[in-house]
Amino acid sequence: MLPITNFILLSAVIFSIGAVGVFFKRNIITILLCIELMLNAANLAFVAFASYFGDSTGQLFVFIVMTVAAAEAAVGLGLVIAIFRNRETLNVDEANILKL
């Protein structure tokens, strides 16, 4: 069995890749995918700690995070379609609908 540090290190690397993608990418769909990557990294950490401590609370949190991720994907893609129909671009810098 692998030690928990391997899973936490992998989770940190995946979360870091997602965070870098959110900060530096300009495409809305890519940003949403990076947010999903960050949520999956948190899920990996929850499952690793649940396995390490022998408690199922971490797995319960995974179901909650998966529900939030599904809602984020549905609402986020709906917003992406609305922005694309109005602006005909997926660039975050040009999609300034909420500005006055």
C-alpha atoms as a PDB file:
ATOM      1  CA  MET A   1       0.000   0.000   0.000  1.00  0.00           C
ATOM      2  CA  LEU A   2       1.305   3.423  -0.920  1.00  0.00           C
ATOM      3  CA  PRO A   3       1.853   6.045   1.784  1.00  0.00           C
ATOM      4  CA  ILE A   4      -0.588   8.950   2.034  1.00  0.00           C
ATOM      5  CA  THR A   5       2.122  11.463   1.132  1.00  0.00           C
ATOM      6  CA  ASN A   6       2.139  10.179  -2.447  1.00  0.00           C
ATOM      7  CA  PHE A   7      -1.569  10.853  -2.834  1.00  0.00           C
ATOM      8  CA  ILE A   8      -1.393  14.265  -1.182  1.00  0.00           C
ATOM      9  CA  LEU A   9       1.595  15.235  -3.323  1.00  0.00           C
ATOM     10  CA  LEU A  10      -0.260  14.127  -6.460  1.00  0.00           C
ATOM     11  CA  SER A  11      -3.315  16.067  -5.320  1.00  0.00           C
ATOM     12  CA  ALA A  12      -1.196  19.182  -4.764  1.00  0.00           C
ATOM     13  CA  VAL A  13       0.375  18.875  -8.220  1.00  0.00           C
ATOM     14  CA  ILE A  14      -3.011  18.460  -9.914  1.00  0.00           C
ATOM     15  CA  PHE A  15      -4.448  21.390  -7.941  1.00  0.00           C
ATOM     16  CA  SER A  16      -1.457  23.545  -8.887  1.00  0.00           C
ATOM     17  CA  ILE A  17      -1.873  22.720 -12.572  1.00  0.00           C
ATOM     18  CA  GLY A  18      -5.531  23.711 -12.329  1.00  0.00           C
ATOM     19  CA  ALA A  19      -4.727  26.949 -10.487  1.00  0.00           C
ATOM     20  CA  VAL A  20      -2.091  27.933 -13.052  1.00  0.00           C
ATOM     21  CA  GLY A  21      -4.594  27.224 -15.817  1.00  0.00           C
ATOM     22  CA  VAL A  22      -7.238  29.418 -14.173  1.00  0.00           C
ATOM     23  CA  PHE A  23      -4.810  32.298 -13.740  1.00  0.00           C
ATOM     24  CA  PHE A  24      -3.139  32.238 -17.140  1.00  0.00           C
ATOM     25  CA  LYS A  25      -5.659  30.909 -19.664  1.00  0.00           C
ATOM     26  CA  ARG A  26      -8.015  33.266 -21.493  1.00  0.00           C
ATOM     27  CA  ASN A  27     -10.506  30.757 -22.913  1.00  0.00           C
ATOM     28  CA  ILE A  28     -13.650  30.322 -20.802  1.00  0.00           C
ATOM     29  CA  ILE A  29     -13.959  26.594 -21.510  1.00  0.00           C
ATOM     30  CA  THR A  30     -10.325  26.006 -20.549  1.00  0.00           C
ATOM     31  CA  ILE A  31     -10.873  27.898 -17.302  1.00  0.00           C
ATOM     32  CA  LEU A  32     -13.909  25.731 -16.506  1.00  0.00           C
ATOM     33  CA  LEU A  33     -11.861  22.593 -17.188  1.00  0.00           C
ATOM     34  CA  CYS A  34      -9.118  23.842 -14.871  1.00  0.00           C
ATOM     35  CA  ILE A  35     -11.686  24.476 -12.123  1.00  0.00           C
ATOM     36  CA  GLU A  36     -12.890  20.897 -12.582  1.00  0.00           C
ATOM     37  CA  LEU A  37      -9.275  19.745 -12.284  1.00  0.00           C
ATOM     38  CA  MET A  38      -8.950  21.627  -8.987  1.00  0.00           C
ATOM     39  CA  LEU A  39     -12.153  20.045  -7.668  1.00  0.00           C
ATOM     40  CA  ASN A  40     -10.895  16.579  -8.622  1.00  0.00           C
ATOM     41  CA  ALA A  41      -7.626  17.261  -6.797  1.00  0.00           C
ATOM     42  CA  ALA A  42      -9.627  18.093  -3.680  1.00  0.00           C
ATOM     43  CA  ASN A  43     -11.598  14.861  -4.151  1.00  0.00           C
ATOM     44  CA  LEU A  44      -8.360  12.885  -4.311  1.00  0.00           C
ATOM     45  CA  ALA A  45      -7.193  14.458  -1.053  1.00  0.00           C
ATOM     46  CA  PHE A  46     -10.548  13.731   0.623  1.00  0.00           C
ATOM     47  CA  VAL A  47     -10.424  10.070  -0.404  1.00  0.00           C
ATOM     48  CA  ALA A  48      -6.780   9.735   0.648  1.00  0.00           C
ATOM     49  CA  PHE A  49      -7.473  11.135   4.107  1.00  0.00           C
ATOM     50  CA  ALA A  50     -10.643   9.044   4.459  1.00  0.00           C
ATOM     51  CA  SER A  51      -8.655   5.913   3.663  1.00  0.00           C
ATOM     52  CA  TYR A  52      -5.806   6.903   5.972  1.00  0.00           C
ATOM     53  CA  PHE A  53      -8.033   7.621   8.972  1.00  0.00           C
ATOM     54  CA  GLY A  54     -10.463   4.782   8.242  1.00  0.00           C
ATOM     55  CA  ASP A  55     -13.439   7.139   8.229  1.00  0.00           C
ATOM     56  CA  SER A  56     -16.050   7.528   5.519  1.00  0.00           C
ATOM     57  CA  THR A  57     -16.613  11.262   6.088  1.00  0.00           C
ATOM     58  CA  GLY A  58     -14.129  12.148   3.356  1.00  0.00           C
ATOM     59  CA  GLN A  59     -16.062  10.043   0.874  1.00  0.00           C
ATOM     60  CA  LEU A  60     -19.240  11.892   1.840  1.00  0.00           C
ATOM     61  CA  PHE A  61     -17.502  15.168   1.056  1.00  0.00           C
ATOM     62  CA  VAL A  62     -16.493  13.736  -2.331  1.00  0.00           C
ATOM     63  CA  PHE A  63     -20.162  13.240  -3.206  1.00  0.00           C
ATOM     64  CA  ILE A  64     -20.879  16.832  -2.171  1.00  0.00           C
ATOM     65  CA  VAL A  65     -17.971  18.147  -4.262  1.00  0.00           C
ATOM     66  CA  MET A  66     -19.105  16.054  -7.241  1.00  0.00           C
ATOM     67  CA  THR A  67     -22.587  17.573  -6.923  1.00  0.00           C
ATOM     68  CA  VAL A  68     -21.118  21.071  -6.857  1.00  0.00           C
ATOM     69  CA  ALA A  69     -18.931  20.221  -9.871  1.00  0.00           C
ATOM     70  CA  ALA A  70     -21.931  18.976 -11.842  1.00  0.00           C
ATOM     71  CA  ALA A  71     -23.911  22.111 -11.022  1.00  0.00           C
ATOM     72  CA  GLU A  72     -20.914  24.280 -11.901  1.00  0.00           C
ATOM     73  CA  ALA A  73     -20.543  22.533 -15.240  1.00  0.00           C
ATOM     74  CA  ALA A  74     -24.230  22.928 -16.099  1.00  0.00           C
ATOM     75  CA  VAL A  75     -24.456  26.582 -15.092  1.00  0.00           C
ATOM     76  CA  GLY A  76     -21.007  27.402 -16.443  1.00  0.00           C
ATOM     77  CA  LEU A  77     -21.666  25.910 -19.862  1.00  0.00           C
ATOM     78  CA  GLY A  78     -25.011  27.700 -19.994  1.00  0.00           C
ATOM     79  CA  LEU A  79     -23.229  30.984 -19.324  1.00  0.00           C
ATOM     80  CA  VAL A  80     -20.577  30.156 -21.928  1.00  0.00           C
ATOM     81  CA  ILE A  81     -23.274  29.589 -24.559  1.00  0.00           C
ATOM     82  CA  ALA A  82     -24.997  32.859 -23.633  1.00  0.00           C
ATOM     83  CA  ILE A  83     -21.726  34.809 -23.775  1.00  0.00           C
ATOM     84  CA  PHE A  84     -20.772  33.225 -27.086  1.00  0.00           C
ATOM     85  CA  ARG A  85     -24.140  34.091 -28.625  1.00  0.00           C
ATOM     86  CA  ASN A  86     -23.815  37.726 -27.549  1.00  0.00           C
ATOM     87  CA  ARG A  87     -20.101  38.361 -28.125  1.00  0.00           C
ATOM     88  CA  GLU A  88     -19.148  35.556 -30.555  1.00  0.00           C
ATOM     89  CA  THR A  89     -15.942  34.953 -28.628  1.00  0.00           C
ATOM     90  CA  LEU A  90     -14.794  32.741 -25.767  1.00  0.00           C
ATOM     91  CA  ASN A  91     -11.993  35.081 -24.697  1.00  0.00           C
ATOM     92  CA  VAL A  92     -12.432  36.209 -21.103  1.00  0.00           C
ATOM     93  CA  ASP A  93     -11.007  39.666 -21.789  1.00  0.00           C
ATOM     94  CA  GLU A  94     -13.570  40.373 -24.516  1.00  0.00           C
ATOM     95  CA  ALA A  95     -16.565  38.900 -22.673  1.00  0.00           C
ATOM     96  CA  ASN A  96     -17.336  41.947 -20.539  1.00  0.00           C
ATOM     97  CA  ILE A  97     -21.133  41.755 -20.567  1.00  0.00           C
ATOM     98  CA  LEU A  98     -21.490  42.762 -16.910  1.00  0.00           C
ATOM     99  CA  LYS A  99     -19.516  45.991 -17.273  1.00  0.00           C
ATOM    100  CA  LEU A 100     -21.453  49.226 -17.607  1.00  0.00           C
END
